[in-house]
PDB file of N, CA and C in Angstrom:
ATOM      1  N   MET A   1      22.620  14.241 -11.970  1.00  0.00           N
ATOM      2  CA  MET A   1      22.169  15.838 -11.613  1.00  0.00           C
ATOM      3  C   MET A   1      21.959  14.855 -10.061  1.00  0.00           C
ATOM      4  N   HIS A   2      21.954  15.744  -9.263  1.00  0.00           N
ATOM      5  CA  HIS A   2      21.724  14.953  -7.520  1.00  0.00           C
ATOM      6  C   HIS A   2      19.864  15.916  -7.416  1.00  0.00           C
ATOM      7  N   ILE A   3      19.438  15.140  -6.983  1.00  0.00           N
ATOM      8  CA  ILE A   3      17.245  15.365  -6.782  1.00  0.00           C
ATOM      9  C   ILE A   3      17.552  15.357  -4.937  1.00  0.00           C
ATOM     10  N   THR A   4      17.601  17.034  -3.565  1.00  0.00           N
ATOM     11  CA  THR A   4      17.898  16.807  -3.101  1.00  0.00           C
ATOM     12  C   THR A   4      16.302  16.088  -2.440  1.00  0.00           C
ATOM     13  N   SER A   5      16.472  15.880  -0.939  1.00  0.00           N
ATOM     14  CA  SER A   5      15.065  15.309  -0.385  1.00  0.00           C
ATOM     15  C   SER A   5      14.099  16.792  -0.246  1.00  0.00           C
ATOM     16  N   HIS A   6      14.545  17.843  -0.244  1.00  0.00           N
ATOM     17  CA  HIS A   6      13.431  18.948  -0.393  1.00  0.00           C
ATOM     18  C   HIS A   6      12.934  18.920  -1.450  1.00  0.00           C
ATOM     19  N   ALA A   7      13.761  19.048  -2.687  1.00  0.00           N
ATOM     20  CA  ALA A   7      12.839  18.849  -3.771  1.00  0.00           C
ATOM     21  C   ALA A   7      12.244  17.850  -3.710  1.00  0.00           C
ATOM     22  N   ALA A   8      12.279  16.685  -3.514  1.00  0.00           N
ATOM     23  CA  ALA A   8      10.906  15.049  -3.339  1.00  0.00           C
ATOM     24  C   ALA A   8       9.772  16.071  -2.568  1.00  0.00           C
ATOM     25  N   GLN A   9      10.297  16.352  -1.422  1.00  0.00           N
ATOM     26  CA  GLN A   9       9.360  16.458  -0.524  1.00  0.00           C
ATOM     27  C   GLN A   9       8.399  17.881  -0.931  1.00  0.00           C
ATOM     28  N   ARG A  10       9.278  18.617  -1.691  1.00  0.00           N
ATOM     29  CA  ARG A  10       8.387  19.580  -2.487  1.00  0.00           C
ATOM     30  C   ARG A  10       7.399  19.345  -3.816  1.00  0.00           C
ATOM     31  N   PHE A  11       8.106  18.422  -4.091  1.00  0.00           N
ATOM     32  CA  PHE A  11       7.563  17.695  -4.945  1.00  0.00           C
ATOM     33  C   PHE A  11       5.968  16.580  -5.190  1.00  0.00           C
ATOM     34  N   LEU A  12       5.915  15.919  -3.546  1.00  0.00           N
ATOM     35  CA  LEU A  12       5.522  15.437  -2.762  1.00  0.00           C
ATOM     36  C   LEU A  12       3.831  16.504  -2.739  1.00  0.00           C
ATOM     37  N   GLN A  13       4.525  17.564  -2.436  1.00  0.00           N
ATOM     38  CA  GLN A  13       3.249  18.824  -2.036  1.00  0.00           C
ATOM     39  C   GLN A  13       2.777  19.415  -2.707  1.00  0.00           C
ATOM     40  N   ARG A  14       3.223  19.522  -3.764  1.00  0.00           N
ATOM     41  CA  ARG A  14       2.877  20.544  -4.809  1.00  0.00           C
ATOM     42  C   ARG A  14       2.560  19.899  -5.742  1.00  0.00           C
ATOM     43  N   VAL A  15       2.976  19.170  -6.765  1.00  0.00           N
ATOM     44  CA  VAL A  15       2.647  18.415  -7.461  1.00  0.00           C
ATOM     45  C   VAL A  15       1.688  17.671  -7.202  1.00  0.00           C
ATOM     46  N   MET A  16       1.973  16.557  -6.010  1.00  0.00           N
ATOM     47  CA  MET A  16       1.203  15.205  -6.100  1.00  0.00           C
ATOM     48  C   MET A  16      -0.290  15.483  -4.789  1.00  0.00           C
ATOM     49  N   ASN A  17       0.298  17.457  -4.527  1.00  0.00           N
ATOM     50  CA  ASN A  17      -0.866  17.291  -3.606  1.00  0.00           C
ATOM     51  C   ASN A  17      -0.895  16.251  -2.212  1.00  0.00           C
ATOM     52  N   LYS A  18       0.209  15.728  -1.709  1.00  0.00           N
ATOM     53  CA  LYS A  18       0.157  15.095  -0.386  1.00  0.00           C
ATOM     54  C   LYS A  18       0.393  15.862   0.635  1.00  0.00           C
ATOM     55  N   SER A  19      -0.408  16.099   1.661  1.00  0.00           N
ATOM     56  CA  SER A  19      -0.305  17.097   3.101  1.00  0.00           C
ATOM     57  C   SER A  19       0.872  15.870   3.898  1.00  0.00           C
ATOM     58  N   SER A  20       0.397  14.642   3.490  1.00  0.00           N
ATOM     59  CA  SER A  20       1.259  14.236   4.469  1.00  0.00           C
ATOM     60  C   SER A  20       2.515  12.607   4.004  1.00  0.00           C
ATOM     61  N   TYR A  21       2.815  12.258   4.036  1.00  0.00           N
ATOM     62  CA  TYR A  21       3.826  11.034   3.305  1.00  0.00           C
ATOM     63  C   TYR A  21       5.166  10.882   4.355  1.00  0.00           C
ATOM     64  N   THR A  22       5.726  10.194   3.965  1.00  0.00           N
ATOM     65  CA  THR A  22       6.190   9.170   5.217  1.00  0.00           C
ATOM     66  C   THR A  22       7.843   9.446   4.478  1.00  0.00           C
ATOM     67  N   PRO A  23       9.119   8.554   4.705  1.00  0.00           N
ATOM     68  CA  PRO A  23      10.502   9.249   4.683  1.00  0.00           C
ATOM     69  C   PRO A  23      10.355   7.719   3.064  1.00  0.00           C
ATOM     70  N   MET A  24       9.802   6.638   2.704  1.00  0.00           N
ATOM     71  CA  MET A  24       9.346   6.030   1.849  1.00  0.00           C
ATOM     72  C   MET A  24       8.766   6.720   1.150  1.00  0.00           C
ATOM     73  N   ASP A  25       7.991   7.336   1.054  1.00  0.00           N
ATOM     74  CA  ASP A  25       7.397   8.096  -0.337  1.00  0.00           C
ATOM     75  C   ASP A  25       8.493   9.324  -0.452  1.00  0.00           C
ATOM     76  N   VAL A  26       9.277   9.318   0.195  1.00  0.00           N
ATOM     77  CA  VAL A  26      10.555  10.264  -0.152  1.00  0.00           C
ATOM     78  C   VAL A  26      11.415  10.334  -0.891  1.00  0.00           C
ATOM     79  N   ASP A  27      11.995   8.780  -0.333  1.00  0.00           N
ATOM     80  CA  ASP A  27      12.607   8.082  -1.337  1.00  0.00           C
ATOM     81  C   ASP A  27      12.076   7.640  -2.909  1.00  0.00           C
ATOM     82  N   PHE A  28      11.012   7.072  -2.356  1.00  0.00           N
ATOM     83  CA  PHE A  28      10.207   6.779  -4.122  1.00  0.00           C
ATOM     84  C   PHE A  28      10.435   8.220  -4.476  1.00  0.00           C
ATOM     85  N   ALA A  29       9.842   9.292  -4.918  1.00  0.00           N
ATOM     86  CA  ALA A  29       9.924  10.615  -4.913  1.00  0.00           C
ATOM     87  C   ALA A  29      11.529  10.745  -5.439  1.00  0.00           C
ATOM     88  N   MET A  30      12.439  10.476  -5.019  1.00  0.00           N
ATOM     89  CA  MET A  30      13.312  11.086  -5.255  1.00  0.00           C
ATOM     90  C   MET A  30      14.116  10.510  -6.252  1.00  0.00           C
ATOM     91  N   ARG A  31      13.809   8.667  -6.227  1.00  0.00           N
ATOM     92  CA  ARG A  31      13.830   8.056  -7.201  1.00  0.00           C
ATOM     93  C   ARG A  31      12.982   8.130  -8.768  1.00  0.00           C
ATOM     94  N   TYR A  32      11.725   8.496  -8.647  1.00  0.00           N
ATOM     95  CA  TYR A  32      10.958   9.554  -9.940  1.00  0.00           C
ATOM     96  C   TYR A  32      11.478  10.322 -10.000  1.00  0.00           C
ATOM     97  N   LEU A  33      12.576  11.776  -9.460  1.00  0.00           N
ATOM     98  CA  LEU A  33      12.874  12.871 -10.144  1.00  0.00           C
ATOM     99  C   LEU A  33      13.672  12.424 -10.415  1.00  0.00           C
ATOM    100  N   THR A  34      14.894  11.594 -10.045  1.00  0.00           N
ATOM    101  CA  THR A  34      16.226  11.475 -10.982  1.00  0.00           C
ATOM    102  C   THR A  34      15.997  10.374 -12.505  1.00  0.00           C
ATOM    103  N   LYS A  35      14.522   9.230 -11.872  1.00  0.00           N
ATOM    104  CA  LYS A  35      14.590   8.941 -13.759  1.00  0.00           C
ATOM    105  C   LYS A  35      14.022  10.224 -14.903  1.00  0.00           C
ATOM    106  N   LEU A  36      13.207  11.141 -14.269  1.00  0.00           N
ATOM    107  CA  LEU A  36      12.371  11.550 -15.126  1.00  0.00           C
ATOM    108  C   LEU A  36      13.945  12.889 -15.438  1.00  0.00           C
ATOM    109  N   PHE A  37      14.334  13.264 -14.461  1.00  0.00           N
ATOM    110  CA  PHE A  37      15.399  14.468 -14.870  1.00  0.00           C
ATOM    111  C   PHE A  37      16.985  13.463 -15.181  1.00  0.00           C
ATOM    112  N   MET A  38      16.513  12.289 -16.086  1.00  0.00           N
ATOM    113  CA  MET A  38      18.064  11.621 -16.434  1.00  0.00           C
ATOM    114  C   MET A  38      18.472  12.155 -17.440  1.00  0.00           C
ATOM    115  N   ASP A  39      17.274  12.583 -18.527  1.00  0.00           N
ATOM    116  CA  ASP A  39      17.950  13.210 -20.283  1.00  0.00           C
ATOM    117  C   ASP A  39      18.067  14.558 -20.247  1.00  0.00           C
ATOM    118  N   VAL A  40      17.773  15.534 -19.236  1.00  0.00           N
ATOM    119  CA  VAL A  40      18.133  16.247 -19.105  1.00  0.00           C
ATOM    120  C   VAL A  40      19.034  17.210 -18.963  1.00  0.00           C
ATOM    121  N   VAL A  41      19.248  17.870 -19.959  1.00  0.00           N
ATOM    122  CA  VAL A  41      21.238  18.905 -19.504  1.00  0.00           C
ATOM    123  C   VAL A  41      20.860  19.935 -19.400  1.00  0.00           C
ATOM    124  N   PRO A  42      21.068  20.732 -18.082  1.00  0.00           N
ATOM    125  CA  PRO A  42      21.274  21.922 -18.450  1.00  0.00           C
ATOM    126  C   PRO A  42      22.046  22.646 -18.750  1.00  0.00           C
ATOM    127  N   ASN A  43      21.693  24.155 -18.373  1.00  0.00           N
ATOM    128  CA  ASN A  43      22.610  24.909 -19.830  1.00  0.00           C
ATOM    129  C   ASN A  43      23.744  25.993 -19.199  1.00  0.00           C
ATOM    130  N   SER A  44      23.167  25.995 -17.553  1.00  0.00           N
ATOM    131  CA  SER A  44      24.131  26.853 -16.568  1.00  0.00           C
ATOM    132  C   SER A  44      24.629  26.440 -15.604  1.00  0.00           C
ATOM    133  N   ARG A  45      24.815  26.865 -14.868  1.00  0.00           N
ATOM    134  CA  ARG A  45      24.804  26.420 -13.422  1.00  0.00           C
ATOM    135  C   ARG A  45      23.507  26.628 -12.653  1.00  0.00           C
ATOM    136  N   ALA A  46      23.215  27.525 -12.448  1.00  0.00           N
ATOM    137  CA  ALA A  46      21.933  28.150 -11.626  1.00  0.00           C
ATOM    138  C   ALA A  46      20.522  28.557 -12.281  1.00  0.00           C
ATOM    139  N   ARG A  47      19.295  27.371 -12.719  1.00  0.00           N
ATOM    140  CA  ARG A  47      18.359  28.401 -13.616  1.00  0.00           C
ATOM    141  C   ARG A  47      17.317  27.484 -13.036  1.00  0.00           C
ATOM    142  N   PRO A  48      16.008  27.955 -13.710  1.00  0.00           N
ATOM    143  CA  PRO A  48      14.516  26.745 -13.248  1.00  0.00           C
ATOM    144  C   PRO A  48      14.534  26.402 -14.261  1.00  0.00           C
ATOM    145  N   ILE A  49      14.377  24.906 -14.513  1.00  0.00           N
ATOM    146  CA  ILE A  49      13.635  24.019 -15.404  1.00  0.00           C
ATOM    147  C   ILE A  49      12.586  24.045 -15.465  1.00  0.00           C
ATOM    148  N   VAL A  50      11.954  23.116 -16.710  1.00  0.00           N
ATOM    149  CA  VAL A  50      10.321  22.418 -16.495  1.00  0.00           C
ATOM    150  C   VAL A  50      10.630  21.663 -16.230  1.00  0.00           C
ATOM    151  N   VAL A  51       9.865  20.765 -15.746  1.00  0.00           N
ATOM    152  CA  VAL A  51       9.979  19.593 -14.661  1.00  0.00           C
ATOM    153  C   VAL A  51       8.732  19.007 -15.887  1.00  0.00           C
ATOM    154  N   PRO A  52       9.544  17.720 -16.907  1.00  0.00           N
ATOM    155  CA  PRO A  52       9.443  16.663 -17.732  1.00  0.00           C
ATOM    156  C   PRO A  52       8.240  16.402 -16.786  1.00  0.00           C
ATOM    157  N   GLY A  53       6.785  16.364 -17.699  1.00  0.00           N
ATOM    158  CA  GLY A  53       5.462  15.692 -18.045  1.00  0.00           C
ATOM    159  C   GLY A  53       4.800  16.185 -16.562  1.00  0.00           C
ATOM    160  N   PHE A  54       5.271  17.647 -16.468  1.00  0.00           N
ATOM    161  CA  PHE A  54       4.442  18.485 -15.373  1.00  0.00           C
ATOM    162  C   PHE A  54       4.928  19.889 -15.553  1.00  0.00           C
ATOM    163  N   GLU A  55       4.484  20.643 -16.858  1.00  0.00           N
ATOM    164  CA  GLU A  55       4.629  21.759 -17.220  1.00  0.00           C
ATOM    165  C   GLU A  55       4.253  23.180 -16.325  1.00  0.00           C
ATOM    166  N   ASN A  56       3.126  22.922 -15.715  1.00  0.00           N
ATOM    167  CA  ASN A  56       3.086  23.990 -14.445  1.00  0.00           C
ATOM    168  C   ASN A  56       3.646  23.875 -14.160  1.00  0.00           C
ATOM    169  N   PHE A  57       4.869  23.527 -13.244  1.00  0.00           N
ATOM    170  CA  PHE A  57       6.095  23.477 -11.872  1.00  0.00           C
ATOM    171  C   PHE A  57       7.088  23.815 -13.164  1.00  0.00           C
ATOM    172  N   ARG A  58       8.331  24.485 -12.280  1.00  0.00           N
ATOM    173  CA  ARG A  58       9.524  23.926 -12.834  1.00  0.00           C
ATOM    174  C   ARG A  58      10.297  23.985 -11.243  1.00  0.00           C
ATOM    175  N   ALA A  59      11.321  23.316 -11.478  1.00  0.00           N
ATOM    176  CA  ALA A  59      11.950  23.119 -11.115  1.00  0.00           C
ATOM    177  C   ALA A  59      13.851  23.628 -10.224  1.00  0.00           C
ATOM    178  N   ILE A  60      13.858  24.335  -9.623  1.00  0.00           N
ATOM    179  CA  ILE A  60      15.388  25.262  -9.651  1.00  0.00           C
ATOM    180  C   ILE A  60      16.419  24.064  -9.418  1.00  0.00           C
ATOM    181  N   TYR A  61      17.452  24.121  -9.870  1.00  0.00           N
ATOM    182  CA  TYR A  61      18.899  24.014 -10.716  1.00  0.00           C
ATOM    183  C   TYR A  61      19.828  24.578  -9.684  1.00  0.00           C
ATOM    184  N   ARG A  62      21.048  23.937  -9.410  1.00  0.00           N
ATOM    185  CA  ARG A  62      22.008  24.629  -8.964  1.00  0.00           C
ATOM    186  C   ARG A  62      22.894  23.636  -8.851  1.00  0.00           C
ATOM    187  N   GLU A  63      23.842  24.376  -8.656  1.00  0.00           N
ATOM    188  CA  GLU A  63      25.328  23.090  -8.493  1.00  0.00           C
ATOM    189  C   GLU A  63      24.940  21.867  -8.736  1.00  0.00           C
ATOM    190  N   ASN A  64      24.491  21.324 -10.082  1.00  0.00           N
ATOM    191  CA  ASN A  64      24.366  20.459 -10.534  1.00  0.00           C
ATOM    192  C   ASN A  64      23.532  19.221  -9.431  1.00  0.00           C
ATOM    193  N   ALA A  65      22.389  20.267  -8.923  1.00  0.00           N
ATOM    194  CA  ALA A  65      20.861  19.454  -7.841  1.00  0.00           C
ATOM    195  C   ALA A  65      20.085  19.718  -8.276  1.00  0.00           C
ATOM    196  N   ILE A  66      18.569  19.550  -8.153  1.00  0.00           N
ATOM    197  CA  ILE A  66      17.344  20.068  -7.752  1.00  0.00           C
ATOM    198  C   ILE A  66      17.515  20.321  -6.688  1.00  0.00           C
ATOM    199  N   VAL A  67      17.162  21.597  -6.476  1.00  0.00           N
ATOM    200  CA  VAL A  67      17.224  22.329  -5.278  1.00  0.00           C
ATOM    201  C   VAL A  67      15.518  21.643  -4.599  1.00  0.00           C
ATOM    202  N   THR A  68      14.775  22.689  -5.758  1.00  0.00           N
ATOM    203  CA  THR A  68      12.939  22.871  -4.739  1.00  0.00           C
ATOM    204  C   THR A  68      12.373  22.718  -6.176  1.00  0.00           C
ATOM    205  N   ILE A  69      11.325  23.001  -6.103  1.00  0.00           N
ATOM    206  CA  ILE A  69      10.094  22.516  -7.363  1.00  0.00           C
ATOM    207  C   ILE A  69       9.616  23.474  -6.761  1.00  0.00           C
ATOM    208  N   LEU A  70       8.659  24.236  -7.611  1.00  0.00           N
ATOM    209  CA  LEU A  70       7.518  25.760  -7.237  1.00  0.00           C
ATOM    210  C   LEU A  70       7.050  25.508  -8.165  1.00  0.00           C
ATOM    211  N   PRO A  71       5.454  26.081  -8.352  1.00  0.00           N
ATOM    212  CA  PRO A  71       4.758  26.542  -9.614  1.00  0.00           C
ATOM    213  C   PRO A  71       5.370  27.037 -10.308  1.00  0.00           C
ATOM    214  N   LYS A  72       4.765  27.390 -11.902  1.00  0.00           N
ATOM    215  CA  LYS A  72       5.206  27.738 -12.613  1.00  0.00           C
ATOM    216  C   LYS A  72       4.998  29.338 -11.874  1.00  0.00           C
ATOM    217  N   GLY A  73       4.225  29.915 -11.448  1.00  0.00           N
ATOM    218  CA  GLY A  73       3.598  31.706 -11.529  1.00  0.00           C
ATOM    219  C   GLY A  73       4.802  32.182 -10.586  1.00  0.00           C
ATOM    220  N   VAL A  74       5.400  31.277  -9.536  1.00  0.00           N
ATOM    221  CA  VAL A  74       5.860  31.633  -8.435  1.00  0.00           C
ATOM    222  C   VAL A  74       7.896  32.039  -9.086  1.00  0.00           C
ATOM    223  N   ARG A  75       8.109  32.808  -8.743  1.00  0.00           N
ATOM    224  CA  ARG A  75       9.544  33.941  -8.786  1.00  0.00           C
ATOM    225  C   ARG A  75      10.625  33.359  -7.643  1.00  0.00           C
ATOM    226  N   TYR A  76      11.608  33.003  -7.683  1.00  0.00           N
ATOM    227  CA  TYR A  76      12.862  31.856  -6.755  1.00  0.00           C
ATOM    228  C   TYR A  76      13.864  33.316  -6.839  1.00  0.00           C
ATOM    229  N   VAL A  77      14.605  33.761  -5.647  1.00  0.00           N
ATOM    230  CA  VAL A  77      15.659  34.688  -5.453  1.00  0.00           C
ATOM    231  C   VAL A  77      16.510  33.715  -5.316  1.00  0.00           C
TER     232      VAL A  77
END
């Protein structure tokens, strides 16, 4: 499963509450999310997935990639 840099940035902003971050932070977040979603097997082409370890957040999965991360109550169209 591929993690986009947008998803890593949203992980840092929304989950880790960082308002500023470096490209190195984004790279570390991408690596962390890759390991976090290693055992997750989605059952459709596009759907929200609960972020393992962070139950209040959902990752939006499309075309074999995590596109973004949203808080649990936000709807994604």
